[in-house]
Amino acid sequence: MSNRIKERRRQLGYTQEQFAEIISISASSYTKIENAFQRPSLETLILISERLQLSLDYIVFGGNKPQKDIEGEILQAAIDFADRQKLLHARDVLNKLLKIKPSYENKI
């Protein structure tokens, strides 16, 4: 369980401290969860699941479908209905947003 949580947190680019803050627990408690020294409460496990977009089943038991793919399904539906020009425009907008994201994060 701890390895699946750690791997997904890293994939999303969070430090342990950042993620602990996101789920409103102390950094030391979160470190203990990731190092399998402490089991999270059900409430904390649910928050981890939501923030990492992983199913509780995957976190606890493992398996083949690690992520809730609701966002992926929405994205695929948008792509299916968009023409090439709209997709190129969306890509340009996303690239611009990614360029301003680091400066916004520094203000938080």
N, C-alpha and C. Protein backbone atom coordinates (compact mmCIF):
# COMPACT_ATOMS: atom_id res chain seq x y z
N MET A 1 0.82 -1.18 0.00
CA MET A 1 0.00 0.00 0.00
C MET A 1 0.87 1.25 0.00
N SER A 2 1.86 1.29 0.87
CA SER A 2 2.70 2.49 0.96
C SER A 2 3.45 2.76 -0.33
N ASN A 3 3.90 1.71 -1.01
CA ASN A 3 4.62 1.90 -2.27
C ASN A 3 3.72 2.46 -3.36
N ARG A 4 2.46 2.03 -3.40
CA ARG A 4 1.53 2.54 -4.41
C ARG A 4 1.24 4.02 -4.16
N ILE A 5 1.09 4.39 -2.90
CA ILE A 5 0.85 5.79 -2.55
C ILE A 5 2.07 6.63 -2.92
N LYS A 6 3.24 6.17 -2.54
CA LYS A 6 4.48 6.91 -2.80
C LYS A 6 4.71 7.10 -4.30
N GLU A 7 4.51 6.03 -5.06
CA GLU A 7 4.74 6.09 -6.50
C GLU A 7 3.82 7.11 -7.16
N ARG A 8 2.54 7.09 -6.80
CA ARG A 8 1.60 8.03 -7.41
C ARG A 8 1.90 9.47 -6.99
N ARG A 9 2.25 9.67 -5.72
CA ARG A 9 2.60 11.02 -5.27
C ARG A 9 3.76 11.56 -6.09
N ARG A 10 4.75 10.73 -6.30
CA ARG A 10 5.91 11.15 -7.10
C ARG A 10 5.52 11.43 -8.54
N GLN A 11 4.63 10.61 -9.11
CA GLN A 11 4.17 10.84 -10.48
C GLN A 11 3.51 12.20 -10.62
N LEU A 12 2.81 12.61 -9.58
CA LEU A 12 2.13 13.90 -9.61
C LEU A 12 3.04 15.07 -9.24
N GLY A 13 4.27 14.76 -8.81
CA GLY A 13 5.26 15.80 -8.57
C GLY A 13 5.18 16.46 -7.20
N TYR A 14 4.55 15.83 -6.23
CA TYR A 14 4.48 16.40 -4.89
C TYR A 14 5.60 15.86 -4.02
N THR A 15 6.11 16.71 -3.15
CA THR A 15 7.00 16.23 -2.09
C THR A 15 6.12 15.65 -1.00
N GLN A 16 6.72 14.93 -0.08
CA GLN A 16 5.95 14.40 1.05
C GLN A 16 5.32 15.55 1.84
N GLU A 17 6.07 16.60 2.05
CA GLU A 17 5.57 17.74 2.82
C GLU A 17 4.39 18.41 2.13
N GLN A 18 4.50 18.60 0.82
CA GLN A 18 3.40 19.22 0.08
C GLN A 18 2.14 18.37 0.15
N PHE A 19 2.31 17.06 -0.04
CA PHE A 19 1.15 16.20 -0.05
C PHE A 19 0.52 16.09 1.34
N ALA A 20 1.35 16.06 2.37
CA ALA A 20 0.83 16.04 3.73
C ALA A 20 -0.04 17.27 3.99
N GLU A 21 0.41 18.40 3.50
CA GLU A 21 -0.37 19.63 3.66
C GLU A 21 -1.69 19.54 2.90
N ILE A 22 -1.66 18.98 1.71
CA ILE A 22 -2.87 18.84 0.89
C ILE A 22 -3.92 18.01 1.61
N ILE A 23 -3.49 16.95 2.29
CA ILE A 23 -4.46 16.09 2.98
C ILE A 23 -4.60 16.44 4.46
N SER A 24 -4.01 17.54 4.86
CA SER A 24 -4.17 18.11 6.20
C SER A 24 -3.71 17.18 7.33
N ILE A 25 -2.52 16.59 7.14
CA ILE A 25 -1.90 15.85 8.24
C ILE A 25 -0.46 16.33 8.36
N SER A 26 0.19 15.98 9.45
CA SER A 26 1.57 16.42 9.64
C SER A 26 2.49 15.67 8.67
N ALA A 27 3.58 16.31 8.32
CA ALA A 27 4.55 15.69 7.41
C ALA A 27 5.11 14.41 8.03
N SER A 28 5.32 14.42 9.34
CA SER A 28 5.87 13.22 9.98
C SER A 28 4.88 12.06 9.94
N SER A 29 3.60 12.34 10.11
CA SER A 29 2.59 11.27 10.00
C SER A 29 2.53 10.72 8.59
N TYR A 30 2.60 11.62 7.61
CA TYR A 30 2.56 11.15 6.22
C TYR A 30 3.79 10.31 5.90
N THR A 31 4.95 10.73 6.36
CA THR A 31 6.17 9.95 6.13
C THR A 31 6.04 8.56 6.72
N LYS A 32 5.44 8.46 7.90
CA LYS A 32 5.23 7.15 8.53
C LYS A 32 4.29 6.28 7.68
N ILE A 33 3.28 6.89 7.07
CA ILE A 33 2.37 6.14 6.20
C ILE A 33 3.13 5.62 4.99
N GLU A 34 3.91 6.48 4.35
CA GLU A 34 4.66 6.07 3.16
C GLU A 34 5.74 5.03 3.47
N ASN A 35 6.27 5.06 4.66
CA ASN A 35 7.30 4.10 5.04
C ASN A 35 6.73 2.86 5.74
N ALA A 36 5.40 2.75 5.74
CA ALA A 36 4.68 1.61 6.31
C ALA A 36 4.92 1.42 7.81
N PHE A 37 5.19 2.52 8.51
CA PHE A 37 5.31 2.46 9.97
C PHE A 37 3.98 2.77 10.66
N GLN A 38 3.05 3.35 9.88
CA GLN A 38 1.76 3.75 10.43
C GLN A 38 0.70 3.52 9.36
N ARG A 39 -0.44 3.01 9.78
CA ARG A 39 -1.57 2.85 8.86
C ARG A 39 -2.43 4.11 8.93
N PRO A 40 -2.88 4.59 7.79
CA PRO A 40 -3.73 5.79 7.82
C PRO A 40 -5.13 5.44 8.34
N SER A 41 -5.77 6.42 8.94
CA SER A 41 -7.18 6.25 9.32
C SER A 41 -7.99 6.15 8.03
N LEU A 42 -9.21 5.67 8.15
CA LEU A 42 -10.07 5.57 6.97
C LEU A 42 -10.28 6.94 6.34
N GLU A 43 -10.48 7.94 7.16
CA GLU A 43 -10.67 9.31 6.65
C GLU A 43 -9.45 9.77 5.85
N THR A 44 -8.26 9.53 6.38
CA THR A 44 -7.03 9.92 5.70
C THR A 44 -6.85 9.10 4.43
N LEU A 45 -7.18 7.83 4.48
CA LEU A 45 -7.06 6.97 3.30
C LEU A 45 -7.99 7.45 2.19
N ILE A 46 -9.17 7.88 2.55
CA ILE A 46 -10.10 8.41 1.55
C ILE A 46 -9.54 9.69 0.94
N LEU A 47 -8.98 10.58 1.76
CA LEU A 47 -8.37 11.81 1.23
C LEU A 47 -7.21 11.50 0.30
N ILE A 48 -6.38 10.55 0.68
CA ILE A 48 -5.26 10.14 -0.17
C ILE A 48 -5.79 9.64 -1.50
N SER A 49 -6.81 8.80 -1.45
CA SER A 49 -7.42 8.25 -2.66
C SER A 49 -7.92 9.35 -3.59
N GLU A 50 -8.65 10.30 -3.01
CA GLU A 50 -9.21 11.39 -3.81
C GLU A 50 -8.12 12.26 -4.42
N ARG A 51 -7.14 12.66 -3.60
CA ARG A 51 -6.10 13.59 -4.07
C ARG A 51 -5.14 12.94 -5.06
N LEU A 52 -4.91 11.64 -4.92
CA LEU A 52 -4.01 10.94 -5.85
C LEU A 52 -4.77 10.34 -7.03
N GLN A 53 -6.10 10.46 -7.01
CA GLN A 53 -6.95 9.91 -8.06
C GLN A 53 -6.70 8.41 -8.22
N LEU A 54 -6.65 7.72 -7.10
CA LEU A 54 -6.50 6.28 -7.07
C LEU A 54 -7.70 5.68 -6.36
N SER A 55 -8.14 4.52 -6.81
CA SER A 55 -9.25 3.87 -6.12
C SER A 55 -8.75 3.31 -4.79
N LEU A 56 -9.64 3.25 -3.82
CA LEU A 56 -9.29 2.65 -2.53
C LEU A 56 -8.88 1.20 -2.73
N ASP A 57 -9.57 0.52 -3.62
CA ASP A 57 -9.27 -0.88 -3.91
C ASP A 57 -7.82 -1.03 -4.38
N TYR A 58 -7.40 -0.16 -5.27
CA TYR A 58 -6.02 -0.23 -5.77
C TYR A 58 -5.02 0.07 -4.66
N ILE A 59 -5.29 1.11 -3.87
CA ILE A 59 -4.36 1.47 -2.81
C ILE A 59 -4.18 0.31 -1.83
N VAL A 60 -5.27 -0.28 -1.42
CA VAL A 60 -5.22 -1.32 -0.39
C VAL A 60 -4.77 -2.67 -0.94
N PHE A 61 -5.32 -3.06 -2.10
CA PHE A 61 -5.08 -4.42 -2.59
C PHE A 61 -4.18 -4.52 -3.82
N GLY A 62 -3.94 -3.39 -4.50
CA GLY A 62 -3.17 -3.44 -5.75
C GLY A 62 -4.09 -3.84 -6.89
N GLY A 63 -3.53 -4.19 -8.00
CA GLY A 63 -4.35 -4.59 -9.14
C GLY A 63 -3.90 -3.89 -10.40
N ASN A 64 -4.71 -4.00 -11.42
CA ASN A 64 -4.32 -3.51 -12.74
C ASN A 64 -4.81 -2.11 -13.06
N LYS A 65 -5.85 -1.62 -12.44
CA LYS A 65 -6.38 -0.30 -12.77
C LYS A 65 -6.10 0.67 -11.63
N PRO A 66 -4.95 1.33 -11.67
CA PRO A 66 -4.53 2.15 -10.54
C PRO A 66 -5.30 3.44 -10.35
N GLN A 67 -5.83 4.04 -11.41
CA GLN A 67 -6.40 5.37 -11.28
C GLN A 67 -7.88 5.36 -11.56
N LYS A 68 -8.58 6.27 -10.91
CA LYS A 68 -9.93 6.56 -11.33
C LYS A 68 -9.74 7.33 -12.63
N ASP A 69 -10.40 6.91 -13.68
CA ASP A 69 -10.11 7.52 -14.97
C ASP A 69 -11.26 8.40 -15.46
N ILE A 70 -11.96 9.02 -14.54
CA ILE A 70 -13.06 9.90 -14.92
C ILE A 70 -12.53 11.06 -15.75
N GLU A 71 -11.44 11.67 -15.32
CA GLU A 71 -10.87 12.80 -16.05
C GLU A 71 -10.42 12.36 -17.44
N GLY A 72 -9.84 11.17 -17.54
CA GLY A 72 -9.41 10.65 -18.83
C GLY A 72 -10.59 10.44 -19.76
N GLU A 73 -11.68 9.95 -19.21
CA GLU A 73 -12.88 9.74 -20.03
C GLU A 73 -13.46 11.06 -20.52
N ILE A 74 -13.45 12.06 -19.66
CA ILE A 74 -13.93 13.39 -20.06
C ILE A 74 -13.03 13.96 -21.15
N LEU A 75 -11.72 13.83 -20.95
CA LEU A 75 -10.78 14.33 -21.94
C LEU A 75 -10.96 13.62 -23.28
N GLN A 76 -11.12 12.30 -23.25
CA GLN A 76 -11.31 11.54 -24.48
C GLN A 76 -12.58 11.97 -25.20
N ALA A 77 -13.65 12.20 -24.45
CA ALA A 77 -14.91 12.64 -25.05
C ALA A 77 -14.73 14.01 -25.70
N ALA A 78 -13.99 14.90 -25.04
CA ALA A 78 -13.74 16.23 -25.62
C ALA A 78 -12.93 16.11 -26.91
N ILE A 79 -11.94 15.24 -26.90
CA ILE A 79 -11.11 15.04 -28.10
C ILE A 79 -11.95 14.47 -29.23
N ASP A 80 -12.82 13.52 -28.91
CA ASP A 80 -13.67 12.90 -29.93
C ASP A 80 -14.58 13.90 -30.62
N PHE A 81 -15.02 14.94 -29.87
CA PHE A 81 -15.96 15.91 -30.44
C PHE A 81 -15.29 17.16 -31.02
N ALA A 82 -13.99 17.30 -30.80
CA ALA A 82 -13.29 18.50 -31.26
C ALA A 82 -12.64 18.26 -32.62
N ASP A 83 -12.54 19.34 -33.39
CA ASP A 83 -11.81 19.23 -34.64
C ASP A 83 -10.34 19.58 -34.40
N ARG A 84 -9.51 19.37 -35.41
CA ARG A 84 -8.07 19.58 -35.28
C ARG A 84 -7.72 21.00 -34.84
N GLN A 85 -8.39 21.98 -35.39
CA GLN A 85 -8.08 23.37 -35.06
C GLN A 85 -8.37 23.67 -33.59
N LYS A 86 -9.47 23.13 -33.08
CA LYS A 86 -9.81 23.35 -31.67
C LYS A 86 -8.80 22.65 -30.76
N LEU A 87 -8.34 21.48 -31.15
CA LEU A 87 -7.35 20.77 -30.35
C LEU A 87 -6.02 21.52 -30.31
N LEU A 88 -5.61 22.08 -31.46
CA LEU A 88 -4.38 22.86 -31.49
C LEU A 88 -4.50 24.10 -30.61
N HIS A 89 -5.66 24.74 -30.65
CA HIS A 89 -5.88 25.91 -29.81
C HIS A 89 -5.84 25.51 -28.33
N ALA A 90 -6.47 24.41 -27.98
CA ALA A 90 -6.45 23.94 -26.59
C ALA A 90 -5.02 23.65 -26.14
N ARG A 91 -4.22 23.03 -27.02
CA ARG A 91 -2.83 22.75 -26.69
C ARG A 91 -2.06 24.04 -26.40
N ASP A 92 -2.28 25.05 -27.23
CA ASP A 92 -1.60 26.33 -27.04
C ASP A 92 -2.00 26.98 -25.71
N VAL A 93 -3.27 26.91 -25.37
CA VAL A 93 -3.74 27.48 -24.11
C VAL A 93 -3.11 26.74 -22.93
N LEU A 94 -3.10 25.42 -23.00
CA LEU A 94 -2.51 24.62 -21.92
C LEU A 94 -1.02 24.91 -21.77
N ASN A 95 -0.31 25.05 -22.88
CA ASN A 95 1.12 25.38 -22.81
C ASN A 95 1.34 26.72 -22.14
N LYS A 96 0.49 27.69 -22.44
CA LYS A 96 0.62 29.00 -21.80
C LYS A 96 0.34 28.91 -20.30
N LEU A 97 -0.67 28.11 -19.93
CA LEU A 97 -0.97 27.93 -18.52
C LEU A 97 0.18 27.25 -17.78
N LEU A 98 0.81 26.28 -18.42
CA LEU A 98 1.93 25.59 -17.79
C LEU A 98 3.11 26.52 -17.57
N LYS A 99 3.27 27.49 -18.44
CA LYS A 99 4.37 28.44 -18.29
C LYS A 99 4.16 29.37 -17.11
N ILE A 100 2.91 29.71 -16.79
CA ILE A 100 2.66 30.62 -15.67
C ILE A 100 2.45 29.88 -14.37
N LYS A 101 2.27 28.57 -14.40
CA LYS A 101 2.01 27.79 -13.20
C LYS A 101 3.11 27.92 -12.14
N PRO A 102 4.41 27.81 -12.49
CA PRO A 102 5.44 27.90 -11.44
C PRO A 102 5.41 29.23 -10.69
N SER A 103 5.16 30.33 -11.37
CA SER A 103 5.13 31.61 -10.66
C SER A 103 3.93 31.68 -9.74
N TYR A 104 2.81 31.06 -10.12
CA TYR A 104 1.62 31.04 -9.26
C TYR A 104 1.89 30.18 -8.03
N GLU A 105 2.54 29.03 -8.20
CA GLU A 105 2.83 28.14 -7.08
C GLU A 105 3.75 28.80 -6.06
N ASN A 106 4.65 29.65 -6.49
CA ASN A 106 5.56 30.32 -5.58
C ASN A 106 4.84 31.30 -4.68
N LYS A 107 3.67 31.78 -5.09
CA LYS A 107 2.92 32.74 -4.30
C LYS A 107 2.09 32.06 -3.21
N ILE A 108 1.89 30.77 -3.35
CA ILE A 108 1.07 30.03 -2.38
C ILE A 108 1.85 29.72 -1.14
